[in-house]
Every structure is written in structure tokens, then in C-alpha cells.
């Protein structure tokens, strides 16, 4: 039988709560990315790759703010915003590179609509960013209370 201490139970509860919040912020940021990029593409204002980049930039602000001030607020410490933002930017930029690669392949290899490829490329990345975000971007050495 596995014994779970009160501290471990609280840690599990905190992490599950953070994962749920991460999912909510991720959905909002993903929808923001899709809405901005889709609008710019469908209105003819930008081609697919530039529309995707513009959507990413707007979604980055939504995502970082949501994660820093809500999802991982339990990890936030004084004067850590810039460090967290730079780390998160690296993770987000890596996700965007993957997103852009998938979109470029879609645009060059399929006869299907550009908007469908844009939405597909946006949808596959968020699930890949949680671990890097939780355990690196917003992670700081523990400080005893």
C-alpha cells in the first residue's frame, strides 16, 4: 500500500490545479492565436505565414500573462518576471517554430485549404509546452517561508 503524506497530497493538488489553469489559459491563448491569424488570413490582410506570426505574437502576451499571474502564481517570486518571460519566450518560440514548420509543410504538400492548415498547425503545439513551461520557465529555487 502506498502512503501519501499530507505534504505530497497538497503538492499533487497544487500541481493538478496548475495543470487545469494551464489548460484554460492555453485554450484562451490558442483561440486568440487562431482568431487573429484566421482573421488576418481570411480578410486578405496577410498571407498564411505572416498571419500565423501575428497571431502568435498576440497569443504570447495572453499566454505569458495568464501563466505568470494565474496558472503558476504559486511559483512566482519577487523580481522573477523577466527571467520567466525570457524562458517562456524560448519555449513559445520553439513551439512556434514547430507550428510554422507544420504549416509550411501543409501549404506546400496538401491541396487542402490554407485556413484548415493554419488551424491544424496551431492546435498541435499547446499540449507539447506544459512540461517545459512548468518545470523550467516558471521554476525557481524554493524559498522557505
C-alpha atoms as a PDB file:
ATOM      1  CA  UNK A   1       0.000   0.000   0.000  1.00  0.00           C
ATOM      2  CA  UNK A   2       1.337   3.413  -0.935  1.00  0.00           C
ATOM      3  CA  UNK A   3       1.239   6.030   1.794  1.00  0.00           C
ATOM      4  CA  UNK A   4       0.717   9.602   0.681  1.00  0.00           C
ATOM      5  CA  UNK A   5       1.736  12.204   3.199  1.00  0.00           C
ATOM      6  CA  UNK A   6      -0.224  15.413   3.678  1.00  0.00           C
ATOM      7  CA  UNK A   7       2.594  17.357   2.030  1.00  0.00           C
ATOM      8  CA  UNK A   8       2.605  15.079  -1.020  1.00  0.00           C
ATOM      9  CA  UNK A   9      -1.191  15.250  -1.191  1.00  0.00           C
ATOM     10  CA  UNK A  10      -1.037  19.062  -1.113  1.00  0.00           C
ATOM     11  CA  UNK A  11       1.693  19.076  -3.766  1.00  0.00           C
ATOM     12  CA  UNK A  12      -0.395  16.823  -6.020  1.00  0.00           C
ATOM     13  CA  UNK A  13      -3.426  19.050  -5.511  1.00  0.00           C
ATOM     14  CA  UNK A  14      -1.386  22.187  -6.295  1.00  0.00           C
ATOM     15  CA  UNK A  15       0.097  20.635  -9.449  1.00  0.00           C
ATOM     16  CA  UNK A  16      -3.285  19.365 -10.645  1.00  0.00           C
ATOM     17  CA  UNK A  17      -4.736  22.819 -10.062  1.00  0.00           C
ATOM     18  CA  UNK A  18      -1.867  24.406 -12.012  1.00  0.00           C
ATOM     19  CA  UNK A  19      -2.357  21.932 -14.879  1.00  0.00           C
ATOM     20  CA  UNK A  20      -6.062  22.795 -15.043  1.00  0.00           C
ATOM     21  CA  UNK A  21      -5.309  26.511 -15.084  1.00  0.00           C
ATOM     22  CA  UNK A  22      -2.615  25.914 -17.703  1.00  0.00           C
ATOM     23  CA  UNK A  23      -5.193  24.202 -19.888  1.00  0.00           C
ATOM     24  CA  UNK A  24      -7.660  27.098 -19.550  1.00  0.00           C
ATOM     25  CA  UNK A  25      -5.011  29.708 -20.372  1.00  0.00           C
ATOM     26  CA  UNK A  26      -3.744  27.510 -23.203  1.00  0.00           C
ATOM     27  CA  UNK A  27      -7.202  27.245 -24.728  1.00  0.00           C
ATOM     28  CA  UNK A  28      -7.727  31.025 -24.470  1.00  0.00           C
ATOM     29  CA  UNK A  29      -4.285  31.715 -25.998  1.00  0.00           C
ATOM     30  CA  UNK A  30      -4.836  29.133 -28.743  1.00  0.00           C
ATOM     31  CA  UNK A  31      -8.229  30.604 -29.597  1.00  0.00           C
ATOM     32  CA  UNK A  32      -6.643  34.080 -29.620  1.00  0.00           C
ATOM     33  CA  UNK A  33      -3.908  32.853 -31.970  1.00  0.00           C
ATOM     34  CA  UNK A  34      -6.461  31.183 -34.230  1.00  0.00           C
ATOM     35  CA  UNK A  35      -8.834  34.173 -34.251  1.00  0.00           C
ATOM     36  CA  UNK A  36      -6.148  36.756 -35.020  1.00  0.00           C
ATOM     37  CA  UNK A  37      -4.391  34.604 -37.622  1.00  0.00           C
ATOM     38  CA  UNK A  38      -7.641  33.426 -39.189  1.00  0.00           C
ATOM     39  CA  UNK A  39      -8.983  36.967 -39.439  1.00  0.00           C
ATOM     40  CA  UNK A  40      -5.764  38.301 -40.993  1.00  0.00           C
ATOM     41  CA  UNK A  41      -5.646  35.417 -43.474  1.00  0.00           C
ATOM     42  CA  UNK A  42      -9.314  35.378 -44.455  1.00  0.00           C
ATOM     43  CA  UNK A  43      -9.533  39.164 -44.748  1.00  0.00           C
ATOM     44  CA  UNK A  44      -6.607  39.080 -47.164  1.00  0.00           C
ATOM     45  CA  UNK A  45      -4.517  41.378 -44.971  1.00  0.00           C
ATOM     46  CA  UNK A  46      -1.640  38.890 -44.619  1.00  0.00           C
ATOM     47  CA  UNK A  47      -0.508  35.635 -46.245  1.00  0.00           C
ATOM     48  CA  UNK A  48      -0.670  32.458 -44.114  1.00  0.00           C
ATOM     49  CA  UNK A  49       2.829  32.531 -42.591  1.00  0.00           C
ATOM     50  CA  UNK A  50       2.669  36.229 -41.602  1.00  0.00           C
ATOM     51  CA  UNK A  51      -0.879  35.865 -40.298  1.00  0.00           C
ATOM     52  CA  UNK A  52       0.343  32.947 -38.201  1.00  0.00           C
ATOM     53  CA  UNK A  53       3.217  35.034 -36.792  1.00  0.00           C
ATOM     54  CA  UNK A  54       0.918  37.949 -35.924  1.00  0.00           C
ATOM     55  CA  UNK A  55      -1.463  35.559 -34.169  1.00  0.00           C
ATOM     56  CA  UNK A  56       1.454  34.047 -32.263  1.00  0.00           C
ATOM     57  CA  UNK A  57       2.611  37.458 -31.010  1.00  0.00           C
ATOM     58  CA  UNK A  58      -0.822  38.375 -29.655  1.00  0.00           C
ATOM     59  CA  UNK A  59      -1.292  34.907 -28.142  1.00  0.00           C
ATOM     60  CA  UNK A  60       2.148  35.088 -26.490  1.00  0.00           C
ATOM     61  CA  UNK A  61       1.034  38.097 -24.440  1.00  0.00           C
ATOM     62  CA  UNK A  62      -2.173  36.339 -23.423  1.00  0.00           C
ATOM     63  CA  UNK A  63      -0.368  33.118 -22.576  1.00  0.00           C
ATOM     64  CA  UNK A  64       2.523  34.583 -20.586  1.00  0.00           C
ATOM     65  CA  UNK A  65       0.278  36.869 -18.566  1.00  0.00           C
ATOM     66  CA  UNK A  66      -2.165  34.091 -17.806  1.00  0.00           C
ATOM     67  CA  UNK A  67       0.501  31.616 -16.777  1.00  0.00           C
ATOM     68  CA  UNK A  68       2.620  34.056 -14.774  1.00  0.00           C
ATOM     69  CA  UNK A  69      -0.245  35.655 -12.880  1.00  0.00           C
ATOM     70  CA  UNK A  70      -2.614  32.685 -12.626  1.00  0.00           C
ATOM     71  CA  UNK A  71      -1.504  29.178 -13.702  1.00  0.00           C
ATOM     72  CA  UNK A  72       1.840  29.246 -11.919  1.00  0.00           C
ATOM     73  CA  UNK A  73       1.225  32.046  -9.426  1.00  0.00           C
ATOM     74  CA  UNK A  74       2.242  29.649  -6.648  1.00  0.00           C
ATOM     75  CA  UNK A  75       5.772  29.629  -8.118  1.00  0.00           C
ATOM     76  CA  UNK A  76       6.054  33.384  -8.642  1.00  0.00           C
ATOM     77  CA  UNK A  77       8.685  35.168  -6.586  1.00  0.00           C
ATOM     78  CA  UNK A  78       9.852  38.755  -6.348  1.00  0.00           C
ATOM     79  CA  UNK A  79      11.736  40.008  -9.415  1.00  0.00           C
ATOM     80  CA  UNK A  80      11.312  36.839 -11.480  1.00  0.00           C
ATOM     81  CA  UNK A  81       9.054  38.169 -14.246  1.00  0.00           C
ATOM     82  CA  UNK A  82      11.821  38.979 -16.742  1.00  0.00           C
ATOM     83  CA  UNK A  83      13.601  35.650 -16.209  1.00  0.00           C
ATOM     84  CA  UNK A  84      10.318  33.765 -16.531  1.00  0.00           C
ATOM     85  CA  UNK A  85       9.341  35.766 -19.621  1.00  0.00           C
ATOM     86  CA  UNK A  86      12.650  35.068 -21.375  1.00  0.00           C
ATOM     87  CA  UNK A  87      12.419  31.368 -20.588  1.00  0.00           C
ATOM     88  CA  UNK A  88       8.793  31.246 -21.645  1.00  0.00           C
ATOM     89  CA  UNK A  89       9.671  33.113 -24.850  1.00  0.00           C
ATOM     90  CA  UNK A  90      12.242  30.433 -25.678  1.00  0.00           C
ATOM     91  CA  UNK A  91       9.664  27.688 -25.126  1.00  0.00           C
ATOM     92  CA  UNK A  92       6.984  29.597 -27.045  1.00  0.00           C
ATOM     93  CA  UNK A  93       9.393  30.354 -29.906  1.00  0.00           C
ATOM     94  CA  UNK A  94      10.276  26.650 -30.111  1.00  0.00           C
ATOM     95  CA  UNK A  95       6.578  25.834 -30.243  1.00  0.00           C
ATOM     96  CA  UNK A  96       6.095  28.493 -32.901  1.00  0.00           C
ATOM     97  CA  UNK A  97       8.947  27.021 -34.961  1.00  0.00           C
ATOM     98  CA  UNK A  98       7.207  23.641 -34.819  1.00  0.00           C
ATOM     99  CA  UNK A  99       3.884  25.282 -35.637  1.00  0.00           C
ATOM    100  CA  UNK A 100       5.421  27.135 -38.605  1.00  0.00           C
ATOM    101  CA  UNK A 101       7.124  24.001 -39.892  1.00  0.00           C
ATOM    102  CA  UNK A 102       3.867  22.066 -39.819  1.00  0.00           C
ATOM    103  CA  UNK A 103       2.088  24.946 -41.559  1.00  0.00           C
ATOM    104  CA  UNK A 104       4.785  25.248 -44.232  1.00  0.00           C
ATOM    105  CA  UNK A 105       4.568  21.517 -44.933  1.00  0.00           C
ATOM    106  CA  UNK A 106       0.782  21.746 -45.102  1.00  0.00           C
ATOM    107  CA  UNK A 107       0.879  24.679 -47.513  1.00  0.00           C
ATOM    108  CA  UNK A 108       3.432  23.005 -49.771  1.00  0.00           C
ATOM    109  CA  UNK A 109       2.281  19.398 -49.679  1.00  0.00           C
ATOM    110  CA  UNK A 110      -1.504  19.401 -49.476  1.00  0.00           C
ATOM    111  CA  UNK A 111      -4.267  20.678 -51.718  1.00  0.00           C
ATOM    112  CA  UNK A 112      -6.425  21.436 -48.688  1.00  0.00           C
ATOM    113  CA  UNK A 113      -7.452  24.962 -47.621  1.00  0.00           C
ATOM    114  CA  UNK A 114      -4.841  27.245 -46.065  1.00  0.00           C
ATOM    115  CA  UNK A 115      -7.166  28.086 -43.171  1.00  0.00           C
ATOM    116  CA  UNK A 116      -7.511  24.382 -42.273  1.00  0.00           C
ATOM    117  CA  UNK A 117      -3.712  24.031 -42.255  1.00  0.00           C
ATOM    118  CA  UNK A 118      -3.375  27.131 -40.095  1.00  0.00           C
ATOM    119  CA  UNK A 119      -5.851  25.788 -37.536  1.00  0.00           C
ATOM    120  CA  UNK A 120      -4.218  22.340 -37.552  1.00  0.00           C
ATOM    121  CA  UNK A 121      -0.734  23.757 -37.006  1.00  0.00           C
ATOM    122  CA  UNK A 122      -1.987  25.941 -34.144  1.00  0.00           C
ATOM    123  CA  UNK A 123      -3.794  23.063 -32.441  1.00  0.00           C
ATOM    124  CA  UNK A 124      -0.888  20.620 -32.164  1.00  0.00           C
ATOM    125  CA  UNK A 125       1.573  22.772 -30.198  1.00  0.00           C
ATOM    126  CA  UNK A 126      -0.058  23.669 -26.822  1.00  0.00           C
ATOM    127  CA  UNK A 127      -0.018  20.132 -25.481  1.00  0.00           C
ATOM    128  CA  UNK A 128       3.743  19.992 -26.034  1.00  0.00           C
ATOM    129  CA  UNK A 129       4.586  23.089 -23.958  1.00  0.00           C
ATOM    130  CA  UNK A 130       3.269  22.248 -20.472  1.00  0.00           C
ATOM    131  CA  UNK A 131       6.324  20.381 -19.148  1.00  0.00           C
ATOM    132  CA  UNK A 132       8.860  22.967 -20.286  1.00  0.00           C
ATOM    133  CA  UNK A 133       6.710  25.781 -19.005  1.00  0.00           C
ATOM    134  CA  UNK A 134       6.022  24.239 -15.608  1.00  0.00           C
ATOM    135  CA  UNK A 135       9.430  22.793 -14.851  1.00  0.00           C
ATOM    136  CA  UNK A 136      11.700  25.402 -16.428  1.00  0.00           C
ATOM    137  CA  UNK A 137      10.127  28.726 -17.442  1.00  0.00           C
ATOM    138  CA  UNK A 138       8.290  29.326 -14.176  1.00  0.00           C
ATOM    139  CA  UNK A 139      10.518  27.239 -11.929  1.00  0.00           C
ATOM    140  CA  UNK A 140      12.705  28.944  -9.346  1.00  0.00           C
ATOM    141  CA  UNK A 141      14.641  27.665  -6.362  1.00  0.00           C
ATOM    142  CA  UNK A 142      12.320  27.089  -3.434  1.00  0.00           C
ATOM    143  CA  UNK A 143      12.437  29.700  -0.700  1.00  0.00           C
ATOM    144  CA  UNK A 144      11.434  28.644   2.786  1.00  0.00           C
ATOM    145  CA  UNK A 145       8.564  30.752   4.149  1.00  0.00           C
END
